[in-house]
Amino acid sequence: MFRRKLTALDYHNPKGFDCTDETQFRNCIVWLEDQKIRHYKIEDRGNLRNIPSSDWPQAYQKYLQDVNCPFGVKERQEALDWLLGLAVRYEYGDNVEKYKKCEPLAASNSSKAVDPLVNLDSNSPEFKAGVTALSNILKIQRHDDYLVMLKAIRILIQERLCPEAITKASQNREGIPVALDKHILGFDTGDATLNEAAQILRLLHIEELRELQTRINEAIVAVQAIIADPKTDHRLGKVGR
């Protein structure tokens, strides 16, 4: 499960590592901090290095917080995978020139593009850790179904983080004062505050509809520019292509 990253980090036993074995797990965490991550000063690693201690889980929890890991002690596999990813990133940062010289893998002879999602295992700790980390960064509500979370992340990126959305958001748009009392709501909630909120929501909805209509009109004009441009051939005495 963690073999590829452990191998990349030159861990002494990547194939035989067992995350469920408490001793192996603690030793791996200490090794990552001592050899790769090095977040603490050497003199501050005593509690984490004291593997047999009953207080080690508290030291490990503090360590996760200090390195800003989005996972806790109970999320063992996800936290370890995150730490391994952090270690790989630091390892590359320390040896940039070395890895720049590495030759890329040979390209496949197949002309068909391979969909990276075909072999995606949505139940793997790596997948869950990645989706959870993205959701934390983007402030997306967690869900029991990680595929649902991934879909929410995709929608947010497409709608809010695409170049067009960023450009639009960076533009200063001056609002126009609107007198709510001049707009008839059409129904009464029995509460003045709720009535105002409903009026505001209706106005925002109308604004969205106007923007949608503008896009539809632009699409119609673009289509007409293609199909409504006949070529005249006087020799044939007719109009058309």
Protein backbone atom coordinates (compact mmCIF):
# COMPACT_ATOMS: atom_id res chain seq x y z
CA MET A 1 0.00 0.00 0.00
CA PHE A 2 2.85 2.39 0.90
CA ARG A 3 5.58 0.46 -0.89
CA ARG A 4 6.20 2.86 -3.77
CA LYS A 5 6.70 5.89 -1.56
CA LEU A 6 8.77 3.97 0.96
CA THR A 7 10.92 2.63 -1.87
CA ALA A 8 11.36 6.13 -3.29
CA LEU A 9 12.52 7.28 0.14
CA ASP A 10 15.00 4.37 0.48
CA TYR A 11 13.24 2.89 3.47
CA HIS A 12 15.02 -0.24 4.70
CA ASN A 13 12.02 -2.59 4.39
CA PRO A 14 9.37 -1.20 2.01
CA LYS A 15 7.94 -4.57 1.02
CA GLY A 16 7.59 -5.97 4.53
CA PHE A 17 6.25 -2.84 6.19
CA ASP A 18 2.97 -3.42 8.07
CA CYS A 19 1.07 -0.29 9.01
CA THR A 20 -1.07 -2.20 11.52
CA ASP A 21 1.98 -3.29 13.50
CA GLU A 22 2.37 -0.69 16.26
CA THR A 23 6.13 -1.02 16.59
CA GLN A 24 6.76 -0.86 12.85
CA PHE A 25 4.40 2.08 12.53
CA ARG A 26 6.11 4.09 15.31
CA ASN A 27 9.56 3.29 13.99
CA CYS A 28 8.51 4.46 10.54
CA ILE A 29 7.21 7.78 11.89
CA VAL A 30 10.45 8.39 13.79
CA TRP A 31 12.50 7.45 10.72
CA LEU A 32 10.54 9.89 8.54
CA GLU A 33 11.13 12.73 10.99
CA ASP A 34 14.80 11.92 11.58
CA GLN A 35 15.80 11.25 7.99
CA LYS A 36 13.41 13.11 5.69
CA ILE A 37 11.03 15.64 7.21
CA ARG A 38 13.22 17.05 10.00
CA HIS A 39 10.57 19.44 11.28
CA TYR A 40 11.87 19.32 14.86
CA LYS A 41 15.35 20.17 16.03
CA ILE A 42 17.28 17.08 17.11
CA GLU A 43 16.97 17.93 20.79
CA ASP A 44 13.17 18.29 20.44
CA ARG A 45 12.58 14.79 19.06
CA GLY A 46 12.90 12.97 22.38
CA ASN A 47 9.19 12.34 22.99
CA LEU A 48 8.66 11.11 19.46
CA ARG A 49 11.70 8.85 19.63
CA ASN A 50 10.54 7.28 22.90
CA ILE A 51 8.67 4.52 21.07
CA PRO A 52 7.89 2.24 24.07
CA SER A 53 6.37 5.11 26.07
CA SER A 54 2.63 5.09 26.81
CA ASP A 55 2.67 8.82 26.05
CA TRP A 56 3.83 8.27 22.46
CA PRO A 57 0.32 8.71 20.96
CA GLN A 58 0.12 12.20 22.53
CA ALA A 59 3.56 13.06 21.15
CA TYR A 60 2.49 11.76 17.73
CA GLN A 61 -0.73 13.80 17.82
CA LYS A 62 1.26 16.94 18.63
CA TYR A 63 3.65 16.12 15.81
CA LEU A 64 0.80 15.85 13.33
CA GLN A 65 -0.49 19.23 14.45
CA ASP A 66 2.95 20.82 14.24
CA VAL A 67 3.45 19.70 10.63
CA ASN A 68 -0.12 20.83 9.78
CA CYS A 69 -1.31 17.35 8.87
CA PRO A 70 -5.07 17.35 8.12
CA PHE A 71 -5.48 13.92 9.75
CA GLY A 72 -5.42 12.75 13.35
CA VAL A 73 -4.13 9.76 15.26
CA LYS A 74 -7.22 7.68 14.55
CA GLU A 75 -6.79 8.12 10.79
CA ARG A 76 -3.59 6.09 10.78
CA GLN A 77 -3.31 5.14 7.12
CA GLU A 78 -4.33 8.55 5.82
CA ALA A 79 -1.92 10.36 8.16
CA LEU A 80 0.97 8.07 7.26
CA ASP A 81 0.32 8.48 3.55
CA TRP A 82 0.25 12.27 4.01
CA LEU A 83 3.56 12.19 5.91
CA LEU A 84 5.10 10.01 3.19
CA GLY A 85 3.97 12.50 0.56
CA LEU A 86 5.50 15.33 2.59
CA ALA A 87 8.75 13.40 2.90
CA VAL A 88 8.85 12.75 -0.85
CA ARG A 89 8.36 16.46 -1.51
CA TYR A 90 11.21 17.38 0.84
CA GLU A 91 13.41 14.67 -0.64
CA TYR A 92 12.89 16.12 -4.10
CA GLY A 93 13.51 19.66 -2.82
CA ASP A 94 16.84 18.57 -1.34
CA ASN A 95 17.95 16.83 -4.54
CA VAL A 96 16.41 18.81 -7.39
CA GLU A 97 19.40 18.56 -9.70
CA LYS A 98 19.67 14.82 -9.13
CA TYR A 99 16.07 14.15 -10.12
CA LYS A 100 16.19 16.56 -13.05
CA LYS A 101 18.73 14.27 -14.65
CA CYS A 102 16.45 11.25 -14.42
CA GLU A 103 15.17 10.12 -17.80
CA PRO A 104 11.38 9.99 -18.21
CA LEU A 105 9.68 6.66 -18.54
CA ALA A 106 9.37 5.37 -22.08
CA ALA A 107 6.15 6.42 -23.75
CA SER A 108 3.61 3.74 -24.44
CA ASN A 109 3.29 2.54 -28.02
CA SER A 110 -0.47 2.70 -27.72
CA SER A 111 -1.96 5.66 -29.54
CA LYS A 112 -5.00 5.71 -27.29
CA ALA A 113 -4.91 8.03 -24.31
CA VAL A 114 -5.28 6.24 -21.00
CA ASP A 115 -7.92 7.60 -18.68
CA PRO A 116 -6.24 8.05 -15.26
CA LEU A 117 -9.55 7.40 -13.53
CA VAL A 118 -10.04 3.94 -15.03
CA ASN A 119 -7.86 2.19 -12.47
CA LEU A 120 -8.73 4.54 -9.62
CA ASP A 121 -9.41 2.73 -6.34
CA SER A 122 -11.82 4.93 -4.40
CA ASN A 123 -11.37 2.77 -1.30
CA SER A 124 -7.59 3.12 -1.08
CA PRO A 125 -6.12 5.21 1.76
CA GLU A 126 -4.11 7.22 -0.77
CA PHE A 127 -7.26 8.27 -2.63
CA LYS A 128 -9.10 9.13 0.58
CA ALA A 129 -6.13 11.07 1.91
CA GLY A 130 -5.82 13.09 -1.30
CA VAL A 131 -9.53 13.92 -1.52
CA THR A 132 -9.68 14.86 2.16
CA ALA A 133 -6.63 17.10 1.85
CA LEU A 134 -8.17 18.89 -1.16
CA SER A 135 -11.52 19.30 0.61
CA ASN A 136 -9.75 20.84 3.61
CA ILE A 137 -7.86 23.27 1.40
CA LEU A 138 -10.99 24.27 -0.52
CA LYS A 139 -13.18 24.33 2.64
CA ILE A 140 -15.60 21.73 1.30
CA GLN A 141 -17.87 19.85 3.70
CA ARG A 142 -16.73 16.27 4.33
CA HIS A 143 -18.94 13.42 3.15
CA ASP A 144 -18.96 9.69 3.84
CA ASP A 145 -18.70 9.00 0.10
CA TYR A 146 -15.31 10.17 -1.14
CA LEU A 147 -16.49 10.09 -4.77
CA VAL A 148 -19.17 12.63 -3.86
CA MET A 149 -16.45 14.80 -2.30
CA LEU A 150 -14.35 14.48 -5.44
CA LYS A 151 -17.32 15.52 -7.58
CA ALA A 152 -17.87 18.57 -5.35
CA ILE A 153 -14.19 19.48 -5.70
CA ARG A 154 -14.43 19.19 -9.49
CA ILE A 155 -17.51 21.42 -9.62
CA LEU A 156 -15.90 24.05 -7.39
CA ILE A 157 -12.72 24.12 -9.47
CA GLN A 158 -14.63 24.33 -12.75
CA GLU A 159 -16.95 27.10 -11.57
CA ARG A 160 -14.75 29.14 -9.25
CA LEU A 161 -11.10 28.46 -10.11
CA CYS A 162 -11.13 28.38 -13.91
CA PRO A 163 -9.33 31.33 -15.63
CA GLU A 164 -12.64 32.91 -16.69
CA ALA A 165 -14.05 32.80 -13.15
CA ILE A 166 -10.86 34.23 -11.64
CA THR A 167 -10.81 37.05 -14.20
CA LYS A 168 -14.46 37.83 -13.55
CA ALA A 169 -13.98 37.80 -9.78
CA SER A 170 -11.01 40.18 -10.04
CA GLN A 171 -13.08 42.75 -11.87
CA ASN A 172 -14.54 45.51 -9.72
CA ARG A 173 -18.29 45.58 -10.13
CA GLU A 174 -20.10 48.50 -8.60
CA GLY A 175 -23.49 47.57 -7.27
CA ILE A 176 -26.63 49.57 -7.93
CA PRO A 177 -28.71 50.53 -4.88
CA VAL A 178 -32.08 48.78 -4.94
CA ALA A 179 -35.12 49.82 -2.95
CA LEU A 180 -36.69 46.59 -1.75
CA ASP A 181 -40.01 48.28 -0.93
CA LYS A 182 -40.52 48.97 -4.65
CA HIS A 183 -40.39 45.27 -5.51
CA ILE A 184 -43.47 43.18 -4.79
CA LEU A 185 -42.64 39.80 -3.30
CA GLY A 186 -45.95 38.17 -4.17
CA PHE A 187 -46.35 36.36 -0.86
CA ASP A 188 -45.97 37.04 2.82
CA THR A 189 -43.96 34.88 5.22
CA GLY A 190 -45.33 36.65 8.26
CA ASP A 191 -41.88 37.95 9.19
CA ALA A 192 -40.47 41.24 7.90
CA THR A 193 -36.87 39.98 7.98
CA LEU A 194 -37.75 36.84 6.04
CA ASN A 195 -39.67 38.91 3.52
CA GLU A 196 -36.59 41.05 2.87
CA ALA A 197 -34.41 37.98 2.56
CA ALA A 198 -36.85 36.44 0.07
CA GLN A 199 -36.84 39.67 -1.97
CA ILE A 200 -33.04 39.68 -2.09
CA LEU A 201 -32.95 36.03 -3.18
CA ARG A 202 -35.48 36.73 -5.92
CA LEU A 203 -33.45 39.68 -7.22
CA LEU A 204 -30.27 37.57 -7.24
CA HIS A 205 -32.13 34.84 -9.10
CA ILE A 206 -33.32 37.35 -11.69
CA GLU A 207 -29.72 38.54 -12.11
CA GLU A 208 -28.59 34.96 -12.75
CA LEU A 209 -31.39 34.50 -15.30
CA ARG A 210 -30.31 37.66 -17.09
CA GLU A 211 -26.74 36.42 -17.28
CA LEU A 212 -27.97 33.08 -18.62
CA GLN A 213 -30.08 34.84 -21.25
CA THR A 214 -27.05 36.90 -22.28
CA ARG A 215 -25.02 33.73 -22.80
CA ILE A 216 -27.87 32.18 -24.81
CA ASN A 217 -28.05 35.27 -27.02
CA GLU A 218 -24.28 35.15 -27.56
CA ALA A 219 -24.53 31.50 -28.57
CA ILE A 220 -27.36 32.27 -31.03
CA VAL A 221 -25.35 35.10 -32.60
CA ALA A 222 -22.31 32.84 -32.93
CA VAL A 223 -24.37 30.14 -34.67
CA GLN A 224 -26.02 32.67 -36.99
CA ALA A 225 -22.60 34.01 -37.97
CA ILE A 226 -21.78 30.53 -39.24
CA ILE A 227 -25.00 29.51 -40.99
CA ALA A 228 -26.28 32.92 -42.17
CA ASP A 229 -23.36 33.85 -44.43
CA PRO A 230 -24.29 32.53 -47.89
CA LYS A 231 -21.89 32.79 -50.79
CA THR A 232 -23.33 34.22 -54.05
CA ASP A 233 -22.30 32.69 -57.36
CA HIS A 234 -23.59 34.96 -60.15
CA ARG A 235 -22.60 32.45 -62.84
CA LEU A 236 -25.03 29.91 -61.46
CA GLY A 237 -27.69 32.50 -60.83
CA LYS A 238 -28.31 31.25 -57.33
CA VAL A 239 -27.39 31.96 -53.75
CA GLY A 240 -25.76 29.33 -51.57
CA ARG A 241 -22.64 27.38 -50.97
